[in-house]
Amino acid sequence: MNNSGFVFEFAVQEYPTDSQTKYFIAYLAGELTIKIDGQVFFSEPNMLLAEFSLALKKWLGTIEVKKKAVTLKYFTMDHDEAEGAILKLAPVDDTNYLICSIWQKFTCHRLIDEQELLYAATTFLKELKEELSKRSVGVRYDVIDNIKLVE
């Protein structure tokens, strides 16, 4: 478990069946919780976890390529974009972010250090991959591992 004040937690509740593995991103679902300083900021019981991990991986890659803080706006194929981002991490300077979500439990005014976010995101990706390898679903995780940056 992460000792950081910012944590992504998940519980896979729906694994793709053999016939669904081709569309892995649309069928790997579960609960996603974001905690800030021990408080639940966000909790969604039916999140597309593979799709979210793709968004995180792209965001991490963009930060690495651009060598600066960049905004993450996560939208899902299951939700209308017009309502706003499911999750938004917006840089306020070179090393700090503000977080917001259309489904947030409270307004977070605390600046979140980029290193804290990077640690939480990479830990989430690693733990999800480990969980999937236990279930032999790692076959499609290569989609996330081999993502190409378009930005």
N, C-alpha and C. Protein backbone atom coordinates (compact mmCIF):
# COMPACT_ATOMS: atom_id res chain seq x y z
N MET A 1 0.83 -1.19 0.00
CA MET A 1 0.00 0.00 0.00
C MET A 1 0.87 1.24 0.00
N ASN A 2 0.40 2.26 -0.66
CA ASN A 2 1.08 3.53 -0.84
C ASN A 2 0.96 4.37 0.43
N ASN A 3 2.08 4.92 0.89
CA ASN A 3 2.05 5.78 2.07
C ASN A 3 1.81 7.24 1.71
N SER A 4 1.69 7.51 0.43
CA SER A 4 1.48 8.86 -0.07
C SER A 4 0.10 9.36 0.35
N GLY A 5 -0.08 10.67 0.29
CA GLY A 5 -1.38 11.25 0.57
C GLY A 5 -2.35 11.15 -0.59
N PHE A 6 -1.85 10.70 -1.76
CA PHE A 6 -2.68 10.55 -2.96
C PHE A 6 -2.58 9.11 -3.43
N VAL A 7 -3.73 8.44 -3.54
CA VAL A 7 -3.73 7.01 -3.86
C VAL A 7 -4.86 6.67 -4.83
N PHE A 8 -4.52 5.86 -5.84
CA PHE A 8 -5.53 5.23 -6.69
C PHE A 8 -5.72 3.82 -6.15
N GLU A 9 -6.93 3.42 -5.83
CA GLU A 9 -7.22 2.05 -5.41
C GLU A 9 -8.23 1.47 -6.38
N PHE A 10 -8.16 0.16 -6.59
CA PHE A 10 -9.09 -0.47 -7.51
C PHE A 10 -9.43 -1.87 -7.05
N ALA A 11 -10.55 -2.36 -7.55
CA ALA A 11 -10.96 -3.75 -7.35
C ALA A 11 -11.62 -4.19 -8.65
N VAL A 12 -11.00 -5.12 -9.36
CA VAL A 12 -11.57 -5.61 -10.61
C VAL A 12 -12.80 -6.44 -10.27
N GLN A 13 -13.91 -6.12 -10.94
CA GLN A 13 -15.15 -6.85 -10.68
C GLN A 13 -15.65 -7.58 -11.91
N GLU A 14 -15.15 -7.20 -13.06
CA GLU A 14 -15.60 -7.85 -14.29
C GLU A 14 -14.41 -8.02 -15.23
N TYR A 15 -14.05 -9.27 -15.45
CA TYR A 15 -12.96 -9.60 -16.37
C TYR A 15 -13.55 -9.94 -17.73
N PRO A 16 -12.84 -9.62 -18.81
CA PRO A 16 -13.35 -9.99 -20.13
C PRO A 16 -13.38 -11.51 -20.29
N THR A 17 -14.43 -12.00 -20.94
CA THR A 17 -14.49 -13.43 -21.26
C THR A 17 -13.58 -13.68 -22.45
N ASP A 18 -13.38 -14.94 -22.78
CA ASP A 18 -12.52 -15.27 -23.92
C ASP A 18 -12.97 -14.56 -25.19
N SER A 19 -14.27 -14.49 -25.42
CA SER A 19 -14.78 -13.85 -26.64
C SER A 19 -14.65 -12.32 -26.58
N GLN A 20 -14.41 -11.77 -25.39
CA GLN A 20 -14.33 -10.31 -25.24
C GLN A 20 -12.89 -9.80 -25.19
N THR A 21 -11.90 -10.68 -25.15
CA THR A 21 -10.52 -10.22 -24.97
C THR A 21 -10.04 -9.33 -26.12
N LYS A 22 -10.63 -9.49 -27.29
CA LYS A 22 -10.27 -8.62 -28.41
C LYS A 22 -10.64 -7.17 -28.09
N TYR A 23 -11.69 -6.99 -27.28
CA TYR A 23 -12.16 -5.66 -26.88
C TYR A 23 -11.93 -5.44 -25.39
N PHE A 24 -10.78 -5.89 -24.95
CA PHE A 24 -10.33 -5.86 -23.56
C PHE A 24 -10.65 -4.55 -22.84
N ILE A 25 -10.40 -3.42 -23.50
CA ILE A 25 -10.55 -2.11 -22.87
C ILE A 25 -12.00 -1.85 -22.46
N ALA A 26 -12.94 -2.36 -23.23
CA ALA A 26 -14.35 -2.12 -22.95
C ALA A 26 -14.96 -3.09 -21.93
N TYR A 27 -14.22 -4.15 -21.58
CA TYR A 27 -14.81 -5.19 -20.72
C TYR A 27 -14.10 -5.40 -19.39
N LEU A 28 -13.00 -4.73 -19.14
CA LEU A 28 -12.35 -4.85 -17.84
C LEU A 28 -12.88 -3.73 -16.96
N ALA A 29 -13.77 -4.08 -16.05
CA ALA A 29 -14.44 -3.07 -15.23
C ALA A 29 -14.26 -3.37 -13.75
N GLY A 30 -14.37 -2.32 -12.95
CA GLY A 30 -14.27 -2.49 -11.52
C GLY A 30 -14.38 -1.17 -10.80
N GLU A 31 -14.15 -1.23 -9.52
CA GLU A 31 -14.25 -0.03 -8.69
C GLU A 31 -12.93 0.72 -8.70
N LEU A 32 -13.02 2.04 -8.88
CA LEU A 32 -11.85 2.91 -8.78
C LEU A 32 -12.13 3.92 -7.69
N THR A 33 -11.20 4.02 -6.75
CA THR A 33 -11.30 4.98 -5.66
C THR A 33 -10.04 5.82 -5.66
N ILE A 34 -10.22 7.11 -5.47
CA ILE A 34 -9.09 8.02 -5.32
C ILE A 34 -9.18 8.60 -3.93
N LYS A 35 -8.10 8.42 -3.18
CA LYS A 35 -8.05 8.96 -1.81
C LYS A 35 -6.99 10.05 -1.75
N ILE A 36 -7.35 11.11 -1.04
CA ILE A 36 -6.42 12.21 -0.81
C ILE A 36 -6.34 12.41 0.70
N ASP A 37 -5.16 12.20 1.24
CA ASP A 37 -4.94 12.31 2.69
C ASP A 37 -5.94 11.46 3.47
N GLY A 38 -6.21 10.26 2.95
CA GLY A 38 -7.09 9.31 3.63
C GLY A 38 -8.57 9.50 3.37
N GLN A 39 -8.96 10.59 2.74
CA GLN A 39 -10.38 10.86 2.45
C GLN A 39 -10.71 10.40 1.03
N VAL A 40 -11.88 9.81 0.87
CA VAL A 40 -12.31 9.38 -0.46
C VAL A 40 -12.74 10.62 -1.24
N PHE A 41 -11.97 10.94 -2.26
CA PHE A 41 -12.26 12.06 -3.15
C PHE A 41 -13.19 11.62 -4.28
N PHE A 42 -13.00 10.37 -4.73
CA PHE A 42 -13.72 9.85 -5.90
C PHE A 42 -13.90 8.36 -5.70
N SER A 43 -15.08 7.87 -6.00
CA SER A 43 -15.33 6.43 -5.94
C SER A 43 -16.38 6.09 -6.99
N GLU A 44 -15.98 5.24 -7.92
CA GLU A 44 -16.89 4.82 -8.98
C GLU A 44 -16.87 3.29 -9.04
N PRO A 45 -18.00 2.64 -8.79
CA PRO A 45 -18.03 1.18 -8.71
C PRO A 45 -17.96 0.47 -10.07
N ASN A 46 -18.19 1.19 -11.17
CA ASN A 46 -18.22 0.53 -12.47
C ASN A 46 -17.36 1.27 -13.49
N MET A 47 -16.08 1.37 -13.20
CA MET A 47 -15.14 2.10 -14.06
C MET A 47 -14.48 1.15 -15.05
N LEU A 48 -14.25 1.61 -16.25
CA LEU A 48 -13.49 0.83 -17.23
C LEU A 48 -12.01 0.98 -16.89
N LEU A 49 -11.48 0.02 -16.15
CA LEU A 49 -10.14 0.13 -15.60
C LEU A 49 -9.04 0.12 -16.66
N ALA A 50 -9.20 -0.68 -17.70
CA ALA A 50 -8.19 -0.71 -18.76
C ALA A 50 -8.18 0.62 -19.50
N GLU A 51 -9.35 1.16 -19.77
CA GLU A 51 -9.43 2.46 -20.44
C GLU A 51 -8.77 3.54 -19.59
N PHE A 52 -9.04 3.53 -18.28
CA PHE A 52 -8.43 4.50 -17.38
C PHE A 52 -6.91 4.33 -17.34
N SER A 53 -6.45 3.08 -17.33
CA SER A 53 -5.00 2.86 -17.30
C SER A 53 -4.34 3.35 -18.59
N LEU A 54 -5.03 3.24 -19.72
CA LEU A 54 -4.51 3.81 -20.97
C LEU A 54 -4.34 5.32 -20.86
N ALA A 55 -5.33 5.99 -20.29
CA ALA A 55 -5.26 7.44 -20.13
C ALA A 55 -4.09 7.83 -19.22
N LEU A 56 -3.92 7.09 -18.13
CA LEU A 56 -2.80 7.36 -17.22
C LEU A 56 -1.46 7.15 -17.92
N LYS A 57 -1.36 6.05 -18.66
CA LYS A 57 -0.10 5.73 -19.35
C LYS A 57 0.24 6.81 -20.38
N LYS A 58 -0.75 7.27 -21.13
CA LYS A 58 -0.51 8.35 -22.10
C LYS A 58 -0.06 9.62 -21.40
N TRP A 59 -0.71 9.94 -20.29
CA TRP A 59 -0.37 11.13 -19.53
C TRP A 59 1.07 11.04 -19.01
N LEU A 60 1.43 9.91 -18.44
CA LEU A 60 2.80 9.72 -17.95
C LEU A 60 3.81 9.86 -19.09
N GLY A 61 3.50 9.28 -20.23
CA GLY A 61 4.39 9.36 -21.39
C GLY A 61 4.53 10.78 -21.91
N THR A 62 3.45 11.52 -21.89
CA THR A 62 3.49 12.90 -22.36
C THR A 62 4.35 13.75 -21.43
N ILE A 63 4.24 13.55 -20.14
CA ILE A 63 5.08 14.27 -19.17
C ILE A 63 6.55 13.94 -19.44
N GLU A 64 6.83 12.66 -19.67
CA GLU A 64 8.21 12.23 -19.91
C GLU A 64 8.78 12.86 -21.19
N VAL A 65 7.98 12.89 -22.26
CA VAL A 65 8.42 13.43 -23.54
C VAL A 65 8.58 14.96 -23.48
N LYS A 66 7.59 15.63 -22.92
CA LYS A 66 7.60 17.10 -22.90
C LYS A 66 8.46 17.68 -21.79
N LYS A 67 8.78 16.85 -20.80
CA LYS A 67 9.60 17.29 -19.66
C LYS A 67 8.98 18.48 -18.92
N LYS A 68 7.65 18.46 -18.84
CA LYS A 68 6.95 19.50 -18.08
C LYS A 68 5.59 18.98 -17.65
N ALA A 69 4.99 19.70 -16.71
CA ALA A 69 3.66 19.32 -16.22
C ALA A 69 2.63 19.51 -17.33
N VAL A 70 1.76 18.52 -17.49
CA VAL A 70 0.69 18.59 -18.50
C VAL A 70 -0.64 18.17 -17.87
N THR A 71 -1.71 18.65 -18.43
CA THR A 71 -3.05 18.35 -17.93
C THR A 71 -3.48 16.95 -18.34
N LEU A 72 -4.11 16.25 -17.41
CA LEU A 72 -4.79 14.99 -17.73
C LEU A 72 -6.28 15.28 -17.65
N LYS A 73 -6.98 15.00 -18.75
CA LYS A 73 -8.45 15.05 -18.76
C LYS A 73 -8.90 13.67 -19.19
N TYR A 74 -9.54 12.97 -18.26
CA TYR A 74 -10.00 11.62 -18.56
C TYR A 74 -11.50 11.63 -18.83
N PHE A 75 -11.84 11.18 -20.03
CA PHE A 75 -13.23 10.97 -20.43
C PHE A 75 -13.36 9.48 -20.73
N THR A 76 -14.53 8.93 -20.57
CA THR A 76 -14.73 7.51 -20.83
C THR A 76 -15.72 7.31 -21.98
N MET A 77 -15.58 6.19 -22.66
CA MET A 77 -16.50 5.87 -23.75
C MET A 77 -17.92 5.61 -23.24
N ASP A 78 -18.06 5.41 -21.93
CA ASP A 78 -19.36 5.13 -21.33
C ASP A 78 -20.10 6.36 -20.82
N HIS A 79 -19.54 7.55 -21.04
CA HIS A 79 -20.13 8.74 -20.45
C HIS A 79 -20.09 9.91 -21.43
N ASP A 80 -21.07 10.77 -21.36
CA ASP A 80 -21.16 11.93 -22.24
C ASP A 80 -20.11 12.98 -21.87
N GLU A 81 -19.26 13.33 -22.81
CA GLU A 81 -18.20 14.31 -22.60
C GLU A 81 -18.73 15.69 -22.24
N ALA A 82 -19.93 16.00 -22.68
CA ALA A 82 -20.51 17.33 -22.45
C ALA A 82 -20.61 17.67 -20.96
N GLU A 83 -20.70 16.65 -20.11
CA GLU A 83 -20.82 16.88 -18.67
C GLU A 83 -19.49 17.26 -18.03
N GLY A 84 -18.40 17.00 -18.73
CA GLY A 84 -17.08 17.33 -18.20
C GLY A 84 -16.24 16.09 -17.99
N ALA A 85 -14.99 16.33 -17.61
CA ALA A 85 -14.04 15.24 -17.42
C ALA A 85 -14.39 14.42 -16.18
N ILE A 86 -14.28 13.11 -16.33
CA ILE A 86 -14.45 12.22 -15.18
C ILE A 86 -13.36 12.55 -14.15
N LEU A 87 -12.16 12.82 -14.66
CA LEU A 87 -11.04 13.19 -13.80
C LEU A 87 -10.17 14.19 -14.54
N LYS A 88 -9.81 15.25 -13.83
CA LYS A 88 -8.91 16.25 -14.41
C LYS A 88 -7.81 16.56 -13.41
N LEU A 89 -6.58 16.46 -13.87
CA LEU A 89 -5.41 16.86 -13.10
C LEU A 89 -4.81 18.04 -13.86
N ALA A 90 -4.88 19.21 -13.27
CA ALA A 90 -4.44 20.43 -13.94
C ALA A 90 -3.23 21.03 -13.23
N PRO A 91 -2.13 21.22 -13.97
CA PRO A 91 -0.96 21.83 -13.33
C PRO A 91 -1.23 23.30 -12.99
N VAL A 92 -0.76 23.71 -11.82
CA VAL A 92 -0.86 25.11 -11.43
C VAL A 92 0.51 25.78 -11.51
N ASP A 93 1.55 24.96 -11.54
CA ASP A 93 2.92 25.43 -11.76
C ASP A 93 3.73 24.23 -12.25
N ASP A 94 5.03 24.31 -12.18
CA ASP A 94 5.88 23.23 -12.73
C ASP A 94 5.80 21.92 -11.96
N THR A 95 5.37 21.96 -10.71
CA THR A 95 5.42 20.73 -9.91
C THR A 95 4.15 20.41 -9.13
N ASN A 96 3.12 21.20 -9.24
CA ASN A 96 1.91 20.99 -8.45
C ASN A 96 0.66 20.98 -9.33
N TYR A 97 -0.31 20.17 -8.90
CA TYR A 97 -1.55 20.01 -9.64
C TYR A 97 -2.75 20.23 -8.72
N LEU A 98 -3.86 20.59 -9.34
CA LEU A 98 -5.16 20.56 -8.68
C LEU A 98 -5.96 19.44 -9.34
N ILE A 99 -6.82 18.80 -8.55
CA ILE A 99 -7.64 17.70 -9.05
C ILE A 99 -9.11 18.08 -8.98
N CYS A 100 -9.86 17.66 -9.98
CA CYS A 100 -11.31 17.81 -9.92
C CYS A 100 -11.95 16.69 -10.74
N SER A 101 -13.22 16.46 -10.47
CA SER A 101 -13.97 15.42 -11.15
C SER A 101 -15.45 15.78 -11.10
N ILE A 102 -16.16 15.39 -12.15
CA ILE A 102 -17.60 15.62 -12.11
C ILE A 102 -18.26 14.73 -11.05
N TRP A 103 -17.54 13.71 -10.60
CA TRP A 103 -18.08 12.80 -9.59
C TRP A 103 -17.35 12.92 -8.25
N GLN A 104 -16.69 14.03 -8.00
CA GLN A 104 -15.92 14.18 -6.76
C GLN A 104 -16.84 14.24 -5.55
N LYS A 105 -16.31 13.76 -4.42
CA LYS A 105 -17.05 13.77 -3.15
C LYS A 105 -16.87 15.09 -2.41
N PHE A 106 -15.78 15.79 -2.68
CA PHE A 106 -15.51 17.09 -2.07
C PHE A 106 -14.58 17.87 -2.98
N THR A 107 -14.53 19.18 -2.78
CA THR A 107 -13.62 20.02 -3.54
C THR A 107 -12.26 19.99 -2.86
N CYS A 108 -11.25 19.62 -3.62
CA CYS A 108 -9.90 19.53 -3.07
C CYS A 108 -9.14 20.80 -3.41
N HIS A 109 -8.73 21.52 -2.38
CA HIS A 109 -7.96 22.75 -2.58
C HIS A 109 -6.47 22.50 -2.40
N ARG A 110 -6.13 21.32 -1.93
CA ARG A 110 -4.72 21.00 -1.69
C ARG A 110 -3.99 20.83 -3.01
N LEU A 111 -2.82 21.46 -3.12
CA LEU A 111 -1.96 21.23 -4.27
C LEU A 111 -1.34 19.86 -4.13
N ILE A 112 -1.37 19.10 -5.20
CA ILE A 112 -0.82 17.75 -5.18
C ILE A 112 0.49 17.76 -5.96
N ASP A 113 1.54 17.36 -5.29
CA ASP A 113 2.88 17.35 -5.89
C ASP A 113 2.93 16.37 -7.06
N GLU A 114 3.59 16.77 -8.13
CA GLU A 114 3.68 15.92 -9.31
C GLU A 114 4.31 14.56 -8.99
N GLN A 115 5.31 14.53 -8.15
CA GLN A 115 5.96 13.26 -7.79
C GLN A 115 4.98 12.32 -7.09
N GLU A 116 4.11 12.88 -6.28
CA GLU A 116 3.07 12.12 -5.60
C GLU A 116 2.11 11.49 -6.63
N LEU A 117 1.73 12.29 -7.62
CA LEU A 117 0.85 11.79 -8.69
C LEU A 117 1.53 10.73 -9.54
N LEU A 118 2.78 10.97 -9.90
CA LEU A 118 3.51 10.01 -10.72
C LEU A 118 3.65 8.68 -9.99
N TYR A 119 3.94 8.74 -8.70
CA TYR A 119 4.06 7.52 -7.91
C TYR A 119 2.72 6.78 -7.85
N ALA A 120 1.64 7.51 -7.60
CA ALA A 120 0.31 6.88 -7.52
C ALA A 120 -0.07 6.26 -8.86
N ALA A 121 0.19 6.95 -9.96
CA ALA A 121 -0.17 6.45 -11.29
C ALA A 121 0.65 5.21 -11.66
N THR A 122 1.96 5.25 -11.44
CA THR A 122 2.79 4.09 -11.79
C THR A 122 2.48 2.90 -10.88
N THR A 123 2.16 3.17 -9.62
CA THR A 123 1.78 2.09 -8.71
C THR A 123 0.46 1.46 -9.16
N PHE A 124 -0.51 2.27 -9.53
CA PHE A 124 -1.78 1.76 -10.04
C PHE A 124 -1.55 0.87 -11.26
N LEU A 125 -0.77 1.34 -12.22
CA LEU A 125 -0.52 0.56 -13.44
C LEU A 125 0.17 -0.77 -13.13
N LYS A 126 1.15 -0.73 -12.24
CA LYS A 126 1.87 -1.94 -11.86
C LYS A 126 0.94 -2.93 -11.16
N GLU A 127 0.14 -2.44 -10.23
CA GLU A 127 -0.75 -3.33 -9.47
C GLU A 127 -1.86 -3.90 -10.35
N LEU A 128 -2.36 -3.11 -11.29
CA LEU A 128 -3.38 -3.62 -12.20
C LEU A 128 -2.79 -4.71 -13.09
N LYS A 129 -1.61 -4.48 -13.59
CA LYS A 129 -0.95 -5.49 -14.43
C LYS A 129 -0.72 -6.79 -13.64
N GLU A 130 -0.29 -6.66 -12.38
CA GLU A 130 -0.08 -7.83 -11.52
C GLU A 130 -1.40 -8.58 -11.30
N GLU A 131 -2.46 -7.84 -11.05
CA GLU A 131 -3.78 -8.45 -10.84
C GLU A 131 -4.22 -9.21 -12.09
N LEU A 132 -4.02 -8.62 -13.24
CA LEU A 132 -4.44 -9.26 -14.48
C LEU A 132 -3.59 -10.49 -14.80
N SER A 133 -2.31 -10.44 -14.45
CA SER A 133 -1.46 -11.61 -14.72
C SER A 133 -1.86 -12.80 -13.85
N LYS A 134 -2.40 -12.54 -12.66
CA LYS A 134 -2.90 -13.63 -11.80
C LYS A 134 -4.09 -14.33 -12.44
N ARG A 135 -4.85 -13.58 -13.23
CA ARG A 135 -6.06 -14.11 -13.86
C ARG A 135 -5.84 -14.51 -15.31
N SER A 136 -4.59 -14.46 -15.76
CA SER A 136 -4.24 -14.77 -17.15
C SER A 136 -4.94 -13.85 -18.15
N VAL A 137 -5.16 -12.62 -17.75
CA VAL A 137 -5.77 -11.64 -18.64
C VAL A 137 -4.67 -10.76 -19.22
N GLY A 138 -3.43 -11.00 -18.84
CA GLY A 138 -2.31 -10.19 -19.29
C GLY A 138 -2.09 -10.23 -20.78
N VAL A 139 -2.72 -11.16 -21.46
CA VAL A 139 -2.60 -11.29 -22.90
C VAL A 139 -2.92 -9.97 -23.59
N ARG A 140 -3.94 -9.28 -23.14
CA ARG A 140 -4.33 -8.03 -23.76
C ARG A 140 -3.70 -6.82 -23.08
N TYR A 141 -3.04 -7.02 -21.95
CA TYR A 141 -2.43 -5.87 -21.28
C TYR A 141 -1.34 -5.26 -22.13
N ASP A 142 -0.85 -6.03 -23.13
CA ASP A 142 0.17 -5.49 -24.03
C ASP A 142 -0.34 -4.25 -24.75
N VAL A 143 -1.64 -4.11 -24.89
CA VAL A 143 -2.23 -2.91 -25.50
C VAL A 143 -1.80 -1.69 -24.67
N ILE A 144 -1.82 -1.82 -23.37
CA ILE A 144 -1.44 -0.72 -22.50
C ILE A 144 0.08 -0.57 -22.45
N ASP A 145 0.80 -1.68 -22.36
CA ASP A 145 2.26 -1.63 -22.31
C ASP A 145 2.87 -0.99 -23.56
N ASN A 146 2.28 -1.25 -24.71
CA ASN A 146 2.86 -0.81 -25.97
C ASN A 146 2.22 0.45 -26.55
N ILE A 147 1.66 1.25 -25.69
CA ILE A 147 0.98 2.45 -26.17
C ILE A 147 1.94 3.39 -26.87
N LYS A 148 1.48 3.98 -27.92
CA LYS A 148 2.28 4.96 -28.66
C LYS A 148 1.74 6.34 -28.37
N LEU A 149 2.64 7.29 -28.15
CA LEU A 149 2.21 8.66 -27.88
C LEU A 149 1.84 9.34 -29.19
N VAL A 150 0.75 10.03 -29.18
CA VAL A 150 0.30 10.72 -30.37
C VAL A 150 0.52 12.22 -30.26
N GLU A 151 0.78 12.68 -29.08
CA GLU A 151 0.89 14.14 -28.86
C GLU A 151 2.30 14.63 -29.13
